[in-house]
Amino acid sequence: MLDWLKNIMGDAYTPEIDKAVSDEIGKAFVSKADFNTANTERKQLADTVKDRDKQLADLRAAAGDADTLKAQIATLQKENADAAKRYAADLKTMRINSAVDAKLTAAKAKNVTAVKALIDLTHAELDDNGLNRTPARPLTRRRSVS
């Protein structure tokens, strides 16, 4: 019942007028309860969309980070492999130098550093017994630049 309409029309108000006005208002307007329900649903849907947008942004960021992390991991793996090779080469060089020093000291060399400077150690190898002269490349004297 439209009490506000009864107050406006006074004695001219009839139930038929009430029904006609209610029908017309129903065509152009929504009831307050329907409006509140629709408004609440809209807010919930907007919040849901915001949550989904945030999740999508997080997934995009994670996907981008995953590619970046994969690239970083590949780079680090390569760098670690190169570092391991350098370490193995340095360790081999140190062991060869130590073995040569021991052999020269055992041979009673007067100046081990000077004698090592004359020896080409680029193809020297170590075995379980120490320094090994590879048959294809025996330890030879370095050629002097003249």
Protein backbone atom coordinates (compact mmCIF):
# COMPACT_ATOMS: atom_id res chain seq x y z
CA MET A 1 0.00 0.00 0.00
CA LEU A 2 1.30 3.42 -0.93
CA ASP A 3 0.68 5.47 2.19
CA TRP A 4 2.55 8.45 0.84
CA LEU A 5 0.13 8.54 -2.11
CA LYS A 6 -2.87 8.44 0.26
CA ASN A 7 -1.43 11.47 2.12
CA ILE A 8 -0.98 13.40 -1.12
CA MET A 9 -4.39 12.59 -2.64
CA GLY A 10 -6.44 12.73 0.55
CA ASP A 11 -10.13 11.90 -0.11
CA ALA A 12 -9.56 11.21 -3.82
CA TYR A 13 -7.46 8.18 -3.03
CA THR A 14 -9.00 4.83 -4.04
CA PRO A 15 -7.57 1.30 -4.09
CA GLU A 16 -7.77 1.29 -7.90
CA ILE A 17 -5.50 4.35 -8.03
CA ASP A 18 -3.14 2.62 -5.59
CA LYS A 19 -2.99 -0.46 -7.84
CA ALA A 20 -2.48 1.56 -11.03
CA VAL A 21 0.32 3.68 -9.51
CA SER A 22 1.99 0.56 -8.04
CA ASP A 23 1.92 -1.15 -11.44
CA GLU A 24 3.41 1.88 -13.17
CA ILE A 25 6.08 2.37 -10.50
CA GLY A 26 6.94 -1.34 -10.80
CA LYS A 27 7.62 -0.87 -14.52
CA ALA A 28 10.02 2.04 -14.12
CA PHE A 29 11.48 1.52 -10.63
CA VAL A 30 12.81 -1.26 -8.43
CA SER A 31 11.71 -1.80 -4.85
CA LYS A 32 14.14 -0.82 -2.12
CA ALA A 33 14.61 -4.46 -1.04
CA ASP A 34 15.38 -5.52 -4.62
CA PHE A 35 17.73 -2.57 -4.99
CA ASN A 36 19.58 -3.43 -1.77
CA THR A 37 19.85 -7.08 -2.82
CA ALA A 38 21.14 -6.14 -6.27
CA ASN A 39 23.52 -3.59 -4.80
CA THR A 40 24.93 -6.13 -2.31
CA GLU A 41 25.38 -8.68 -5.12
CA ARG A 42 27.11 -6.05 -7.26
CA LYS A 43 29.52 -5.21 -4.43
CA GLN A 44 30.25 -8.90 -3.84
CA LEU A 45 30.86 -9.45 -7.55
CA ALA A 46 33.12 -6.38 -7.70
CA ASP A 47 35.11 -7.75 -4.75
CA THR A 48 35.29 -11.14 -6.46
CA VAL A 49 36.54 -9.51 -9.67
CA LYS A 50 39.16 -7.57 -7.68
CA ASP A 51 40.28 -10.81 -6.01
CA ARG A 52 40.50 -12.54 -9.40
CA ASP A 53 42.40 -9.61 -10.87
CA LYS A 54 44.83 -9.75 -7.95
CA GLN A 55 45.24 -13.51 -8.38
CA LEU A 56 45.85 -13.06 -12.11
CA ALA A 57 48.39 -10.33 -11.42
CA ASP A 58 50.11 -12.59 -8.87
CA LEU A 59 50.13 -15.45 -11.37
CA ARG A 60 51.52 -13.20 -14.08
CA ALA A 61 54.17 -11.95 -11.69
CA ALA A 62 54.97 -15.51 -10.64
CA ALA A 63 55.11 -16.64 -14.26
CA GLY A 64 57.40 -13.76 -15.10
CA ASP A 65 59.48 -14.52 -12.05
CA ALA A 66 59.55 -18.18 -13.01
CA ASP A 67 61.01 -17.33 -16.41
CA THR A 68 63.42 -14.92 -14.79
CA LEU A 69 64.30 -17.46 -12.14
CA LYS A 70 64.77 -20.15 -14.78
CA ALA A 71 67.09 -17.84 -16.69
CA GLN A 72 68.96 -16.97 -13.50
CA ILE A 73 69.21 -20.64 -12.56
CA ALA A 74 70.57 -21.50 -16.01
CA THR A 75 73.07 -18.64 -15.78
CA LEU A 76 74.11 -19.66 -12.28
CA GLN A 77 74.44 -23.30 -13.32
CA LYS A 78 76.70 -22.26 -16.20
CA GLU A 79 78.72 -20.00 -13.93
CA ASN A 80 78.99 -22.78 -11.33
CA ALA A 81 80.10 -25.27 -13.99
CA ASP A 82 82.71 -22.76 -15.23
CA ALA A 83 83.83 -22.11 -11.65
CA ALA A 84 84.10 -25.87 -11.03
CA LYS A 85 86.23 -26.23 -14.18
CA ARG A 86 88.43 -23.32 -13.10
CA TYR A 87 88.73 -24.80 -9.62
CA ALA A 88 89.67 -28.22 -11.03
CA ALA A 89 92.24 -26.61 -13.35
CA ASP A 90 93.70 -24.50 -10.52
CA LEU A 91 93.81 -27.53 -8.23
CA LYS A 92 95.53 -29.57 -10.96
CA THR A 93 98.06 -26.76 -11.51
CA MET A 94 98.75 -26.51 -7.77
CA ARG A 95 99.24 -30.28 -7.50
CA ILE A 96 101.54 -30.34 -10.53
CA ASN A 97 103.55 -27.41 -9.15
CA SER A 98 103.80 -29.14 -5.79
CA ALA A 99 104.89 -32.40 -7.40
CA VAL A 100 107.49 -30.58 -9.53
CA ASP A 101 108.76 -28.71 -6.47
CA ALA A 102 109.07 -32.01 -4.59
CA LYS A 103 110.94 -33.67 -7.49
CA LEU A 104 113.28 -30.69 -7.91
CA THR A 105 113.93 -30.53 -4.18
CA ALA A 106 114.64 -34.29 -4.15
CA ALA A 107 117.04 -33.75 -7.08
CA LYS A 108 118.83 -31.09 -4.97
CA ALA A 109 118.09 -28.18 -7.30
CA LYS A 110 119.72 -25.02 -6.01
CA ASN A 111 116.93 -22.65 -7.24
CA VAL A 112 113.61 -24.46 -7.69
CA THR A 113 111.83 -21.38 -9.09
CA ALA A 114 114.51 -20.81 -11.73
CA VAL A 115 114.46 -24.45 -12.78
CA LYS A 116 110.63 -24.49 -12.95
CA ALA A 117 110.77 -21.45 -15.21
CA LEU A 118 112.75 -23.52 -17.69
CA ILE A 119 110.29 -26.45 -17.71
CA ASP A 120 107.16 -26.54 -19.91
CA LEU A 121 104.41 -27.87 -17.60
CA THR A 122 101.44 -27.21 -19.93
CA HIS A 123 101.05 -30.93 -20.75
CA ALA A 124 102.14 -32.34 -17.39
CA GLU A 125 99.75 -34.83 -15.75
CA LEU A 126 99.53 -36.37 -12.33
CA ASP A 127 98.88 -39.99 -11.54
CA ASP A 128 98.64 -41.86 -8.24
CA ASN A 129 102.45 -41.94 -7.91
CA GLY A 130 102.88 -38.25 -8.55
CA LEU A 131 104.13 -36.46 -11.64
CA ASN A 132 103.67 -38.36 -14.87
CA ARG A 133 105.38 -37.55 -18.10
CA THR A 134 102.92 -38.29 -20.83
CA PRO A 135 104.62 -40.30 -23.58
CA ALA A 136 103.19 -38.11 -26.33
CA ARG A 137 104.45 -34.95 -24.65
CA PRO A 138 107.43 -35.42 -22.33
CA LEU A 139 108.33 -32.56 -20.03
CA THR A 140 110.66 -30.41 -22.03
CA ARG A 141 112.62 -27.28 -21.63
CA ARG A 142 110.77 -24.13 -22.62
CA ARG A 143 112.03 -22.50 -25.72
CA SER A 144 113.44 -19.13 -25.06
CA VAL A 145 112.25 -16.22 -27.10
CA SER A 146 115.22 -14.79 -28.98
